[in-house]
C-alpha cells in the first residue's frame, strides 16, 4: 500500500503543475516534495512525471495512479474523521443553476451548515451545461443544473414547465425581441428550436450571464424570455396559446456528482439536495403554478 503522505504530495504536484507550488500548498519545501515523489516512483516502479525546465507533466502511469490516489486519500481522511468522532471540515465546491439561488439554495445551505458547521462551501453560479463540464473536469465536486428536451444524466430531481414571459404592461410585437443567457444554455436552445419550427419572426435583443439581467430586460418590456415556471416574477406575465407562441419543453433539474467522490461532506450535501428537491419541485411558486394552470385551462377552452 502506498504511503498516504507520498500520495498527498503526488496529488499536489499533479494538481498545481509544479514542485514549488505543491510545496507551498503543503507548507513544505521543494526538496522534501521532490524526495517524496522519488520515493513514490521507486515504490511504483515507474516514472510518474515527465520533468522539464518549464513544466511537470504526468506520464501514463501517473495518470493511472492519480485517480486511485485521490480515492485512497478521501477514504483515508473519511476513516480518520469518522473514528475521531469529529465532523468533517474542508471545502465543498458546488455549482448551482442561476435560477435556483432565490429561496431554495439558502434553505439547502442552512440545513447543510447545521450538519457540517466547519465545512467551507464554495459556490459557482451558472448554467447547467457549463456546471456539469466543471464537475467532469473536477473543478466542482457536485452541481445542480437544468436540461431541456434531452438526456438527463445524473440524479433526476424534479421537472417543471418552461414558459414564455414578458412584461405585464406591453403587447406582444410581431417581431419578437428575445432575452437569453449566453450559450450554452438549455432554455435558449429549447426556445430557438421551438421558434425554428414556427412561423414567428424574432431577433435577439438582449443577452446576460445573470438571471437579474434577463429579468430586467423582460420586466422593462424590451424583451421576451423563456423561464422555468418558479422563476417568473410578479412583474411578468406568462404567454399562452392565445399569443400563438410555440410550445416549450419541460425543464428537468439534475444533480451531477464528481466521479469517485467519497467524502462524507459531499455525499451529505448531495443527499440533502435530493431530499429537499423531492417536496420542493415548485416550492415558493404556488402562485405561478395556479396562474399557469388557469391560463392553460382557459386556452384549451378557447381552442
C-alpha atoms as a PDB file:
ATOM      1  CA  UNK A   1       0.000   0.000   0.000  1.00  0.00           C
ATOM      2  CA  UNK A   2       1.332   3.434  -0.921  1.00  0.00           C
ATOM      3  CA  UNK A   3       2.070   5.847   1.921  1.00  0.00           C
ATOM      4  CA  UNK A   4      -0.764   8.447   2.106  1.00  0.00           C
ATOM      5  CA  UNK A   5       1.769  11.218   2.729  1.00  0.00           C
ATOM      6  CA  UNK A   6       3.547  10.361  -0.507  1.00  0.00           C
ATOM      7  CA  UNK A   7       0.238  10.231  -2.338  1.00  0.00           C
ATOM      8  CA  UNK A   8      -0.739  13.635  -0.938  1.00  0.00           C
ATOM      9  CA  UNK A   9       2.444  15.168  -2.342  1.00  0.00           C
ATOM     10  CA  UNK A  10       1.878  13.394  -5.658  1.00  0.00           C
ATOM     11  CA  UNK A  11      -1.665  14.775  -5.983  1.00  0.00           C
ATOM     12  CA  UNK A  12      -0.493  18.261  -5.035  1.00  0.00           C
ATOM     13  CA  UNK A  13       2.194  18.246  -7.761  1.00  0.00           C
ATOM     14  CA  UNK A  14      -0.281  16.906 -10.333  1.00  0.00           C
ATOM     15  CA  UNK A  15      -2.926  19.500  -9.470  1.00  0.00           C
ATOM     16  CA  UNK A  16      -0.633  22.521  -9.169  1.00  0.00           C
ATOM     17  CA  UNK A  17       1.652  21.603 -12.081  1.00  0.00           C
ATOM     18  CA  UNK A  18       4.937  22.047 -10.240  1.00  0.00           C
ATOM     19  CA  UNK A  19       7.023  21.104  -7.222  1.00  0.00           C
ATOM     20  CA  UNK A  20       7.375  24.653  -5.925  1.00  0.00           C
ATOM     21  CA  UNK A  21       3.618  25.334  -5.957  1.00  0.00           C
ATOM     22  CA  UNK A  22       2.926  21.922  -4.435  1.00  0.00           C
ATOM     23  CA  UNK A  23       5.401  22.653  -1.623  1.00  0.00           C
ATOM     24  CA  UNK A  24       3.669  25.973  -0.940  1.00  0.00           C
ATOM     25  CA  UNK A  25       0.276  24.267  -0.837  1.00  0.00           C
ATOM     26  CA  UNK A  26       1.577  21.572   1.539  1.00  0.00           C
ATOM     27  CA  UNK A  27       3.539  24.073   3.680  1.00  0.00           C
ATOM     28  CA  UNK A  28       6.670  22.076   2.929  1.00  0.00           C
ATOM     29  CA  UNK A  29       9.858  22.578   0.913  1.00  0.00           C
ATOM     30  CA  UNK A  30      10.552  21.800  -2.732  1.00  0.00           C
ATOM     31  CA  UNK A  31      13.346  19.390  -1.827  1.00  0.00           C
ATOM     32  CA  UNK A  32      11.051  17.458   0.530  1.00  0.00           C
ATOM     33  CA  UNK A  33       8.326  17.158  -2.094  1.00  0.00           C
ATOM     34  CA  UNK A  34      10.879  16.059  -4.722  1.00  0.00           C
ATOM     35  CA  UNK A  35      12.205  13.396  -2.372  1.00  0.00           C
ATOM     36  CA  UNK A  36       8.682  12.142  -1.638  1.00  0.00           C
ATOM     37  CA  UNK A  37       7.867  11.879  -5.348  1.00  0.00           C
ATOM     38  CA  UNK A  38      11.118   9.985  -5.921  1.00  0.00           C
ATOM     39  CA  UNK A  39      10.186   7.529  -3.148  1.00  0.00           C
ATOM     40  CA  UNK A  40       6.725   7.062  -4.659  1.00  0.00           C
ATOM     41  CA  UNK A  41       8.199   6.442  -8.106  1.00  0.00           C
ATOM     42  CA  UNK A  42      10.538   3.853  -6.577  1.00  0.00           C
ATOM     43  CA  UNK A  43       7.575   2.108  -4.950  1.00  0.00           C
ATOM     44  CA  UNK A  44       5.545   2.271  -8.182  1.00  0.00           C
ATOM     45  CA  UNK A  45       8.469   1.030 -10.246  1.00  0.00           C
ATOM     46  CA  UNK A  46       7.721   3.610 -12.941  1.00  0.00           C
ATOM     47  CA  UNK A  47       8.242   7.332 -13.509  1.00  0.00           C
ATOM     48  CA  UNK A  48       5.109   9.316 -12.660  1.00  0.00           C
ATOM     49  CA  UNK A  49       6.127  12.705 -14.083  1.00  0.00           C
ATOM     50  CA  UNK A  50       7.961  13.982 -17.127  1.00  0.00           C
ATOM     51  CA  UNK A  51      10.076  16.863 -15.844  1.00  0.00           C
ATOM     52  CA  UNK A  52      11.390  19.761 -17.891  1.00  0.00           C
ATOM     53  CA  UNK A  53      12.804  23.181 -17.038  1.00  0.00           C
ATOM     54  CA  UNK A  54       9.386  24.766 -17.592  1.00  0.00           C
ATOM     55  CA  UNK A  55       6.746  22.189 -16.678  1.00  0.00           C
ATOM     56  CA  UNK A  56       5.882  18.943 -14.954  1.00  0.00           C
ATOM     57  CA  UNK A  57       3.522  16.565 -16.737  1.00  0.00           C
ATOM     58  CA  UNK A  58       2.047  13.219 -15.741  1.00  0.00           C
ATOM     59  CA  UNK A  59       3.199  10.068 -17.512  1.00  0.00           C
ATOM     60  CA  UNK A  60       0.679   7.393 -18.489  1.00  0.00           C
ATOM     61  CA  UNK A  61       1.435   5.616 -15.195  1.00  0.00           C
ATOM     62  CA  UNK A  62       0.965   8.914 -13.350  1.00  0.00           C
ATOM     63  CA  UNK A  63      -2.437   9.459 -14.979  1.00  0.00           C
ATOM     64  CA  UNK A  64      -3.491   5.976 -13.850  1.00  0.00           C
ATOM     65  CA  UNK A  65      -2.253   6.465 -10.295  1.00  0.00           C
ATOM     66  CA  UNK A  66      -3.852   9.921  -9.905  1.00  0.00           C
ATOM     67  CA  UNK A  67      -7.416   8.596  -9.830  1.00  0.00           C
ATOM     68  CA  UNK A  68      -6.500   5.888  -7.311  1.00  0.00           C
ATOM     69  CA  UNK A  69      -4.535   8.369  -5.196  1.00  0.00           C
ATOM     70  CA  UNK A  70      -7.483  10.749  -4.885  1.00  0.00           C
ATOM     71  CA  UNK A  71      -9.794   7.906  -3.876  1.00  0.00           C
ATOM     72  CA  UNK A  72      -7.319   6.497  -1.341  1.00  0.00           C
ATOM     73  CA  UNK A  73      -6.815   9.910   0.254  1.00  0.00           C
ATOM     74  CA  UNK A  74     -10.550  10.584   0.519  1.00  0.00           C
ATOM     75  CA  UNK A  75     -11.129   7.178   2.132  1.00  0.00           C
ATOM     76  CA  UNK A  76      -8.178   7.722   4.455  1.00  0.00           C
ATOM     77  CA  UNK A  77      -9.421  11.142   5.573  1.00  0.00           C
ATOM     78  CA  UNK A  78     -13.011   9.951   5.919  1.00  0.00           C
ATOM     79  CA  UNK A  79     -11.979   6.966   8.079  1.00  0.00           C
ATOM     80  CA  UNK A  80      -9.813   9.154  10.301  1.00  0.00           C
ATOM     81  CA  UNK A  81     -12.586  11.696  10.832  1.00  0.00           C
ATOM     82  CA  UNK A  82     -15.304   9.123  11.456  1.00  0.00           C
ATOM     83  CA  UNK A  83     -13.193   7.261  14.017  1.00  0.00           C
ATOM     84  CA  UNK A  84     -12.292  10.503  15.773  1.00  0.00           C
ATOM     85  CA  UNK A  85     -15.966  11.442  16.063  1.00  0.00           C
ATOM     86  CA  UNK A  86     -15.245  14.891  14.614  1.00  0.00           C
ATOM     87  CA  UNK A  87     -17.470  16.363  11.940  1.00  0.00           C
ATOM     88  CA  UNK A  88     -15.574  16.738   8.665  1.00  0.00           C
ATOM     89  CA  UNK A  89     -14.469  20.206   7.681  1.00  0.00           C
ATOM     90  CA  UNK A  90     -12.719  21.138   4.473  1.00  0.00           C
ATOM     91  CA  UNK A  91     -14.064  22.659   1.290  1.00  0.00           C
ATOM     92  CA  UNK A  92     -17.048  21.544  -0.792  1.00  0.00           C
ATOM     93  CA  UNK A  93     -17.365  23.044  -4.273  1.00  0.00           C
ATOM     94  CA  UNK A  94     -20.930  23.111  -5.596  1.00  0.00           C
ATOM     95  CA  UNK A  95     -22.374  24.604  -8.768  1.00  0.00           C
ATOM     96  CA  UNK A  96     -25.971  25.848  -8.810  1.00  0.00           C
ATOM     97  CA  UNK A  97     -28.160  26.783 -11.755  1.00  0.00           C
ATOM     98  CA  UNK A  98     -28.642  30.562 -11.977  1.00  0.00           C
ATOM     99  CA  UNK A  99     -32.396  30.458 -11.345  1.00  0.00           C
ATOM    100  CA  UNK A 100     -32.167  28.356  -8.139  1.00  0.00           C
ATOM    101  CA  UNK A 101     -30.433  30.957  -5.980  1.00  0.00           C
ATOM    102  CA  UNK A 102     -33.643  32.545  -4.668  1.00  0.00           C
ATOM    103  CA  UNK A 103     -35.233  30.631  -1.803  1.00  0.00           C
ATOM    104  CA  UNK A 104     -34.261  27.001  -2.489  1.00  0.00           C
ATOM    105  CA  UNK A 105     -30.470  27.340  -2.288  1.00  0.00           C
ATOM    106  CA  UNK A 106     -30.434  29.234   1.054  1.00  0.00           C
ATOM    107  CA  UNK A 107     -32.611  26.505   2.583  1.00  0.00           C
ATOM    108  CA  UNK A 108     -30.201  23.801   1.397  1.00  0.00           C
ATOM    109  CA  UNK A 109     -27.147  25.675   2.691  1.00  0.00           C
ATOM    110  CA  UNK A 110     -28.818  26.392   6.036  1.00  0.00           C
ATOM    111  CA  UNK A 111     -29.525  22.714   6.672  1.00  0.00           C
ATOM    112  CA  UNK A 112     -26.079  21.643   5.454  1.00  0.00           C
ATOM    113  CA  UNK A 113     -24.334  24.120   7.785  1.00  0.00           C
ATOM    114  CA  UNK A 114     -26.156  22.561  10.733  1.00  0.00           C
ATOM    115  CA  UNK A 115     -24.743  19.143   9.791  1.00  0.00           C
ATOM    116  CA  UNK A 116     -21.225  20.373   8.980  1.00  0.00           C
ATOM    117  CA  UNK A 117     -20.643  23.723  10.691  1.00  0.00           C
ATOM    118  CA  UNK A 118     -16.896  23.612   9.968  1.00  0.00           C
ATOM    119  CA  UNK A 119     -17.177  22.948   6.244  1.00  0.00           C
ATOM    120  CA  UNK A 120     -16.367  25.680   3.745  1.00  0.00           C
ATOM    121  CA  UNK A 121     -18.818  25.871   0.830  1.00  0.00           C
ATOM    122  CA  UNK A 122     -17.530  27.322  -2.429  1.00  0.00           C
ATOM    123  CA  UNK A 123     -20.384  28.322  -4.755  1.00  0.00           C
ATOM    124  CA  UNK A 124     -20.293  28.584  -8.538  1.00  0.00           C
ATOM    125  CA  UNK A 125     -23.442  30.103 -10.049  1.00  0.00           C
ATOM    126  CA  UNK A 126     -24.022  29.379 -13.726  1.00  0.00           C
ATOM    127  CA  UNK A 127     -25.931  27.380 -16.326  1.00  0.00           C
ATOM    128  CA  UNK A 128     -26.337  23.588 -16.375  1.00  0.00           C
ATOM    129  CA  UNK A 129     -24.028  22.528 -19.249  1.00  0.00           C
ATOM    130  CA  UNK A 130     -21.137  24.694 -18.037  1.00  0.00           C
ATOM    131  CA  UNK A 131     -21.535  23.493 -14.448  1.00  0.00           C
ATOM    132  CA  UNK A 132     -21.672  19.837 -15.491  1.00  0.00           C
ATOM    133  CA  UNK A 133     -18.482  20.295 -17.502  1.00  0.00           C
ATOM    134  CA  UNK A 134     -16.798  21.749 -14.396  1.00  0.00           C
ATOM    135  CA  UNK A 135     -17.781  18.604 -12.476  1.00  0.00           C
ATOM    136  CA  UNK A 136     -16.304  16.476 -15.269  1.00  0.00           C
ATOM    137  CA  UNK A 137     -13.012  18.418 -15.169  1.00  0.00           C
ATOM    138  CA  UNK A 138     -13.012  18.207 -11.341  1.00  0.00           C
ATOM    139  CA  UNK A 139     -13.332  21.963 -10.830  1.00  0.00           C
ATOM    140  CA  UNK A 140     -16.544  21.259  -8.879  1.00  0.00           C
ATOM    141  CA  UNK A 141     -17.479  18.402  -6.559  1.00  0.00           C
ATOM    142  CA  UNK A 142     -21.169  18.459  -7.482  1.00  0.00           C
ATOM    143  CA  UNK A 143     -23.605  20.604  -9.437  1.00  0.00           C
ATOM    144  CA  UNK A 144     -27.352  21.113  -9.792  1.00  0.00           C
ATOM    145  CA  UNK A 145     -28.362  22.253 -13.261  1.00  0.00           C
ATOM    146  CA  UNK A 146     -31.164  22.233 -15.806  1.00  0.00           C
ATOM    147  CA  UNK A 147     -31.658  20.298 -19.032  1.00  0.00           C
ATOM    148  CA  UNK A 148     -34.415  20.667 -21.616  1.00  0.00           C
ATOM    149  CA  UNK A 149     -35.637  18.048 -24.037  1.00  0.00           C
ATOM    150  CA  UNK A 150     -32.523  15.919 -23.801  1.00  0.00           C
ATOM    151  CA  UNK A 151     -30.901  13.041 -21.895  1.00  0.00           C
ATOM    152  CA  UNK A 152     -30.802  13.773 -18.165  1.00  0.00           C
ATOM    153  CA  UNK A 153     -27.662  12.098 -16.852  1.00  0.00           C
ATOM    154  CA  UNK A 154     -27.072  12.140 -13.104  1.00  0.00           C
ATOM    155  CA  UNK A 155     -29.672  12.092 -10.338  1.00  0.00           C
ATOM    156  CA  UNK A 156     -33.022  13.437 -11.515  1.00  0.00           C
ATOM    157  CA  UNK A 157     -34.505  15.935  -9.080  1.00  0.00           C
ATOM    158  CA  UNK A 158     -37.703  17.484 -10.500  1.00  0.00           C
ATOM    159  CA  UNK A 159     -39.443  18.785 -13.613  1.00  0.00           C
ATOM    160  CA  UNK A 160     -41.414  21.951 -14.242  1.00  0.00           C
ATOM    161  CA  UNK A 161     -42.718  23.888 -17.271  1.00  0.00           C
ATOM    162  CA  UNK A 162     -40.542  26.221 -19.310  1.00  0.00           C
ATOM    163  CA  UNK A 163     -42.715  29.209 -20.244  1.00  0.00           C
ATOM    164  CA  UNK A 164     -42.528  32.329 -22.401  1.00  0.00           C
ATOM    165  CA  UNK A 165     -42.683  35.510 -20.318  1.00  0.00           C
ATOM    166  CA  UNK A 166     -42.782  39.254 -20.935  1.00  0.00           C
ATOM    167  CA  UNK A 167     -43.753  42.424 -19.104  1.00  0.00           C
ATOM    168  CA  UNK A 168     -47.353  42.578 -17.944  1.00  0.00           C
ATOM    169  CA  UNK A 169     -47.593  46.118 -19.352  1.00  0.00           C
ATOM    170  CA  UNK A 170     -46.733  45.578 -23.034  1.00  0.00           C
ATOM    171  CA  UNK A 171     -48.325  43.925 -26.040  1.00  0.00           C
ATOM    172  CA  UNK A 172     -46.506  41.132 -27.815  1.00  0.00           C
ATOM    173  CA  UNK A 173     -44.955  42.547 -31.017  1.00  0.00           C
ATOM    174  CA  UNK A 174     -44.924  40.757 -34.360  1.00  0.00           C
ATOM    175  CA  UNK A 175     -41.120  40.747 -34.388  1.00  0.00           C
ATOM    176  CA  UNK A 176     -40.282  39.076 -31.095  1.00  0.00           C
ATOM    177  CA  UNK A 177     -37.364  40.698 -29.179  1.00  0.00           C
ATOM    178  CA  UNK A 178     -35.715  37.958 -27.120  1.00  0.00           C
ATOM    179  CA  UNK A 179     -33.550  37.989 -23.995  1.00  0.00           C
ATOM    180  CA  UNK A 180     -31.338  34.967 -23.327  1.00  0.00           C
ATOM    181  CA  UNK A 181     -28.491  33.645 -21.248  1.00  0.00           C
ATOM    182  CA  UNK A 182     -25.351  33.173 -23.390  1.00  0.00           C
ATOM    183  CA  UNK A 183     -24.586  29.795 -24.917  1.00  0.00           C
ATOM    184  CA  UNK A 184     -24.527  27.045 -23.850  1.00  0.00           C
ATOM    185  CA  UNK A 185     -27.990  27.413 -22.277  1.00  0.00           C
ATOM    186  CA  UNK A 186     -30.764  24.782 -22.396  1.00  0.00           C
ATOM    187  CA  UNK A 187     -33.508  27.456 -22.217  1.00  0.00           C
ATOM    188  CA  UNK A 188     -32.023  29.327 -25.159  1.00  0.00           C
ATOM    189  CA  UNK A 189     -31.599  26.129 -27.206  1.00  0.00           C
ATOM    190  CA  UNK A 190     -35.152  24.973 -26.471  1.00  0.00           C
ATOM    191  CA  UNK A 191     -36.610  28.378 -27.365  1.00  0.00           C
ATOM    192  CA  UNK A 192     -34.700  28.657 -30.638  1.00  0.00           C
ATOM    193  CA  UNK A 193     -35.678  25.117 -31.668  1.00  0.00           C
ATOM    194  CA  UNK A 194     -39.333  25.894 -30.957  1.00  0.00           C
ATOM    195  CA  UNK A 195     -39.152  29.168 -32.903  1.00  0.00           C
ATOM    196  CA  UNK A 196     -37.431  27.476 -35.843  1.00  0.00           C
ATOM    197  CA  UNK A 197     -40.395  25.138 -36.172  1.00  0.00           C
ATOM    198  CA  UNK A 198     -42.876  28.041 -36.098  1.00  0.00           C
ATOM    199  CA  UNK A 199     -43.593  30.988 -38.375  1.00  0.00           C
ATOM    200  CA  UNK A 200     -42.667  33.547 -35.748  1.00  0.00           C
ATOM    201  CA  UNK A 201     -40.266  36.368 -36.577  1.00  0.00           C
ATOM    202  CA  UNK A 202     -37.709  37.056 -33.890  1.00  0.00           C
ATOM    203  CA  UNK A 203     -34.403  38.690 -33.021  1.00  0.00           C
ATOM    204  CA  UNK A 204     -32.086  38.504 -30.022  1.00  0.00           C
ATOM    205  CA  UNK A 205     -32.254  41.906 -28.372  1.00  0.00           C
ATOM    206  CA  UNK A 206     -30.514  41.180 -25.061  1.00  0.00           C
ATOM    207  CA  UNK A 207     -28.016  38.698 -23.622  1.00  0.00           C
ATOM    208  CA  UNK A 208     -26.974  38.451 -19.969  1.00  0.00           C
ATOM    209  CA  UNK A 209     -24.990  35.928 -17.975  1.00  0.00           C
ATOM    210  CA  UNK A 210     -27.151  36.596 -14.903  1.00  0.00           C
ATOM    211  CA  UNK A 211     -30.801  35.941 -14.175  1.00  0.00           C
ATOM    212  CA  UNK A 212     -31.123  39.517 -12.914  1.00  0.00           C
ATOM    213  CA  UNK A 213     -30.081  40.838 -16.324  1.00  0.00           C
ATOM    214  CA  UNK A 214     -32.521  38.641 -18.244  1.00  0.00           C
ATOM    215  CA  UNK A 215     -35.344  39.557 -15.857  1.00  0.00           C
ATOM    216  CA  UNK A 216     -34.521  43.259 -16.145  1.00  0.00           C
ATOM    217  CA  UNK A 217     -34.894  43.137 -19.936  1.00  0.00           C
ATOM    218  CA  UNK A 218     -38.209  41.274 -19.680  1.00  0.00           C
ATOM    219  CA  UNK A 219     -39.644  43.406 -16.865  1.00  0.00           C
ATOM    220  CA  UNK A 220     -38.659  46.583 -18.727  1.00  0.00           C
ATOM    221  CA  UNK A 221     -40.833  45.482 -21.624  1.00  0.00           C
ATOM    222  CA  UNK A 222     -37.980  45.339 -24.119  1.00  0.00           C
ATOM    223  CA  UNK A 223     -37.735  41.557 -24.448  1.00  0.00           C
ATOM    224  CA  UNK A 224     -39.499  38.218 -24.169  1.00  0.00           C
ATOM    225  CA  UNK A 225     -37.631  35.434 -22.398  1.00  0.00           C
ATOM    226  CA  UNK A 226     -38.158  31.719 -21.607  1.00  0.00           C
ATOM    227  CA  UNK A 227     -38.033  30.947 -17.884  1.00  0.00           C
ATOM    228  CA  UNK A 228     -38.720  27.978 -15.607  1.00  0.00           C
ATOM    229  CA  UNK A 229     -42.115  28.475 -14.006  1.00  0.00           C
ATOM    230  CA  UNK A 230     -40.727  29.068 -10.497  1.00  0.00           C
ATOM    231  CA  UNK A 231     -38.555  31.966 -11.755  1.00  0.00           C
ATOM    232  CA  UNK A 232     -41.450  34.058 -13.121  1.00  0.00           C
ATOM    233  CA  UNK A 233     -41.638  37.288 -11.101  1.00  0.00           C
ATOM    234  CA  UNK A 234     -44.835  39.259 -10.285  1.00  0.00           C
ATOM    235  CA  UNK A 235     -43.998  41.897 -12.917  1.00  0.00           C
ATOM    236  CA  UNK A 236     -44.098  39.326 -15.711  1.00  0.00           C
ATOM    237  CA  UNK A 237     -46.948  37.551 -17.445  1.00  0.00           C
ATOM    238  CA  UNK A 238     -46.893  34.090 -18.939  1.00  0.00           C
ATOM    239  CA  UNK A 239     -47.674  33.977 -22.645  1.00  0.00           C
ATOM    240  CA  UNK A 240     -50.113  31.224 -23.503  1.00  0.00           C
ATOM    241  CA  UNK A 241     -51.694  29.705 -26.614  1.00  0.00           C
ATOM    242  CA  UNK A 242     -53.732  32.778 -27.486  1.00  0.00           C
ATOM    243  CA  UNK A 243     -50.447  34.571 -28.184  1.00  0.00           C
ATOM    244  CA  UNK A 244     -49.574  31.753 -30.630  1.00  0.00           C
ATOM    245  CA  UNK A 245     -46.183  31.204 -29.039  1.00  0.00           C
ATOM    246  CA  UNK A 246     -44.585  27.844 -29.861  1.00  0.00           C
ATOM    247  CA  UNK A 247     -44.785  25.240 -27.129  1.00  0.00           C
ATOM    248  CA  UNK A 248     -41.675  24.768 -24.997  1.00  0.00           C
ATOM    249  CA  UNK A 249     -40.421  21.528 -23.403  1.00  0.00           C
ATOM    250  CA  UNK A 250     -40.213  20.983 -19.662  1.00  0.00           C
ATOM    251  CA  UNK A 251     -37.169  21.867 -17.591  1.00  0.00           C
ATOM    252  CA  UNK A 252     -35.609  18.982 -15.677  1.00  0.00           C
ATOM    253  CA  UNK A 253     -33.183  19.665 -12.840  1.00  0.00           C
ATOM    254  CA  UNK A 254     -30.475  17.065 -12.251  1.00  0.00           C
ATOM    255  CA  UNK A 255     -27.598  16.555  -9.824  1.00  0.00           C
ATOM    256  CA  UNK A 256     -24.115  15.595 -11.030  1.00  0.00           C
ATOM    257  CA  UNK A 257     -21.513  14.388  -8.511  1.00  0.00           C
ATOM    258  CA  UNK A 258     -17.828  14.065  -9.308  1.00  0.00           C
ATOM    259  CA  UNK A 259     -16.693  10.516 -10.218  1.00  0.00           C
ATOM    260  CA  UNK A 260     -15.138   8.510  -7.385  1.00  0.00           C
ATOM    261  CA  UNK A 261     -16.162  11.170  -4.824  1.00  0.00           C
ATOM    262  CA  UNK A 262     -16.277   9.603  -1.346  1.00  0.00           C
ATOM    263  CA  UNK A 263     -16.001  12.480   1.139  1.00  0.00           C
ATOM    264  CA  UNK A 264     -18.752  12.492   3.732  1.00  0.00           C
ATOM    265  CA  UNK A 265     -19.451  16.205   3.262  1.00  0.00           C
ATOM    266  CA  UNK A 266     -20.014  15.871  -0.490  1.00  0.00           C
ATOM    267  CA  UNK A 267     -22.207  12.788  -0.052  1.00  0.00           C
ATOM    268  CA  UNK A 268     -24.230  14.551   2.647  1.00  0.00           C
ATOM    269  CA  UNK A 269     -24.739  17.666   0.524  1.00  0.00           C
ATOM    270  CA  UNK A 270     -25.786  15.580  -2.486  1.00  0.00           C
ATOM    271  CA  UNK A 271     -28.262  13.591  -0.391  1.00  0.00           C
ATOM    272  CA  UNK A 272     -29.618  16.811   1.127  1.00  0.00           C
ATOM    273  CA  UNK A 273     -30.118  18.343  -2.338  1.00  0.00           C
ATOM    274  CA  UNK A 274     -32.033  15.257  -3.428  1.00  0.00           C
ATOM    275  CA  UNK A 275     -34.127  15.125  -0.250  1.00  0.00           C
ATOM    276  CA  UNK A 276     -35.099  18.784  -0.420  1.00  0.00           C
ATOM    277  CA  UNK A 277     -35.896  18.501  -4.115  1.00  0.00           C
ATOM    278  CA  UNK A 278     -38.480  15.769  -3.545  1.00  0.00           C
ATOM    279  CA  UNK A 279     -41.024  18.075  -1.974  1.00  0.00           C
ATOM    280  CA  UNK A 280     -39.796  21.312  -3.467  1.00  0.00           C
ATOM    281  CA  UNK A 281     -40.310  20.928  -7.211  1.00  0.00           C
ATOM    282  CA  UNK A 282     -42.463  24.027  -7.119  1.00  0.00           C
ATOM    283  CA  UNK A 283     -41.625  25.359  -3.681  1.00  0.00           C
ATOM    284  CA  UNK A 284     -42.285  29.048  -3.356  1.00  0.00           C
ATOM    285  CA  UNK A 285     -44.100  29.212  -6.705  1.00  0.00           C
ATOM    286  CA  UNK A 286     -47.650  28.108  -5.883  1.00  0.00           C
ATOM    287  CA  UNK A 287     -48.986  31.382  -7.271  1.00  0.00           C
ATOM    288  CA  UNK A 288     -47.117  30.771 -10.529  1.00  0.00           C
ATOM    289  CA  UNK A 289     -48.465  27.228 -10.724  1.00  0.00           C
ATOM    290  CA  UNK A 290     -52.035  28.440 -10.207  1.00  0.00           C
ATOM    291  CA  UNK A 291     -51.691  31.165 -12.833  1.00  0.00           C
ATOM    292  CA  UNK A 292     -50.132  28.746 -15.303  1.00  0.00           C
ATOM    293  CA  UNK A 293     -52.807  26.063 -14.875  1.00  0.00           C
ATOM    294  CA  UNK A 294     -55.599  28.620 -15.076  1.00  0.00           C
ATOM    295  CA  UNK A 295     -54.197  30.015 -18.328  1.00  0.00           C
ATOM    296  CA  UNK A 296     -53.764  26.535 -19.767  1.00  0.00           C
ATOM    297  CA  UNK A 297     -57.378  25.598 -18.983  1.00  0.00           C
ATOM    298  CA  UNK A 298     -58.638  28.870 -20.414  1.00  0.00           C
ATOM    299  CA  UNK A 299     -56.557  28.445 -23.569  1.00  0.00           C
ATOM    300  CA  UNK A 300     -57.793  24.883 -24.093  1.00  0.00           C
ATOM    301  CA  UNK A 301     -61.366  26.080 -23.689  1.00  0.00           C
ATOM    302  CA  UNK A 302     -60.802  28.726 -26.358  1.00  0.00           C
ATOM    303  CA  UNK A 303     -59.469  26.233 -28.891  1.00  0.00           C
END
